[in-house]
Amino acid sequence: MREKKRLEGTLATATELERRTGDIAAYFELAQEGENVSADLRREIDALRAMVDKLEISTLLSGPNDERNAIVTIHPGAGGTESQDWAEMLMRMYLRWAERDGFTTQMYEYQPGEEAGIKSATFGVNGDYAFGLLTSEIGVHRLVRISPFDQAKRRHTSFASVYVSPEIDESIDIDIKPDDIRIDTYRSGGKGGQHVNTTDSAVRITHIPTGLVAACQNERSQHKNKEKAMSILRSRLYEFELEKKKAATKHIEDSKLDIDFGSQIRSYVLQPYRMIKDLRTRTEIGDVDRVLDGDLNELMRAYLLVRRKEQR
C-alpha cells in the first residue's frame, strides 16, 4: 500500500508538471499576441520552479531507509538554561518544518527544563522520505546570541544535539533478548493530561549491551508506552548496527559528510550579525527567522546535493 501510494503520487506529479508547462506555454502565446500576462506568467514560473526544486530533492533520496518515517531526539549541551532553551527552539523549528511540508508529528517524550526550554525531547515525523530529509540535521547545532537569561545582556554560545533514526517496521527483524533490557516506569512530566502526569505510566527501556535508551510518556496506558518505547529502541538498534558496519568499512572515516553524533554541523548567529552557516556545505542564509520558523528545505537540499557528489 505504501508503494502504491508513492507511485500514485509520482503519476499525479507528472500530470501536474504537464499542466503547468502547458499553462506557461499558453501565457507565452498570449504575450506574443499583445496581452499583458506578465504577472500571471511570473506566478506560474515561480510555482513551477518551486515544484522542480522539490522534485530534485526527491531524486537525491535513494538510501535504503530514506523513504521511512523518522524518530528525532534533541538534547541540550552543557550550559543549563541557555542550552535547554536552544534545544526547545530547535524542536519548534523541526515541528514547524514538518507542518509546512505536510508531515505529521507525534511527541513521544518531553522533559521540560527547570527554568525554560527542554532537557530532552523525542518525537516522530511521519510521511514519505521523512528520514532521508532529516538526516541532514544529525549532529550538533550551535547558537550565538545575546542571552535573554543574562541580566548583563552578554553574548552566549549554546549547543544542542540532534539525532535521527528511521522508524523500523515489522518487516525488518531486530532481535532484542529480554535479558538484555531493563524497563523502568516513572511519572510523566511536562505536557499531558491529568492521568498522564499523576500515574507511573511513562516507560524507559535501556538496552544494557549498547547503553541505548528509549522512552515514551505520551500515552495514558503504560502498556502502550512500553510498546512505543520498544519500537523506538528497535529503530535505534538498527541504526546503531548500520553505523558499526560503516565504521568497519571505513566509510565514516573516509567520507567528509559522514559525521559523528558529537560534531558541529551548523551555526546560527543572532548577534553581533544575523547569519546561518552550514559547515558541511558552506551554505549561508541571512534570514535567520525564516529558518527558525521551519523553512529548512534550502539547507536540506544543499546537504543532499553534496552528499551525492561525495558518494560518487
Foldseek 3Di string as FASTA:
>chain_A
DVVVVVVVVVVVLVVVLVVLVVVLVVVVVVVVVPDPCVVVNVVSVVVNVVSVLVVVLVVLQDDPQQFFKKKKKKAWDPDAPVRQQVSQLVVLQACLQLVVVVWDKAWFAWAAGPVGHTRMTMMITGGTRNQVLCVLQFAKEKEWAQDPPDPVRDIDIIIMGMDMFGQDDPVDDDDQDPVQKDKDFAQGDDDADPLLRPDRLKIKMARNVVRDIFIGRHDSHSVVRVVVRVRVVSRVVVVVVVVVVCVVVCVCVPFLLNDDNHDYFWYAYPPPAGWIAGPSQRDIDRPSVVSSSHPCSVSSSSSSVVVVVRVD
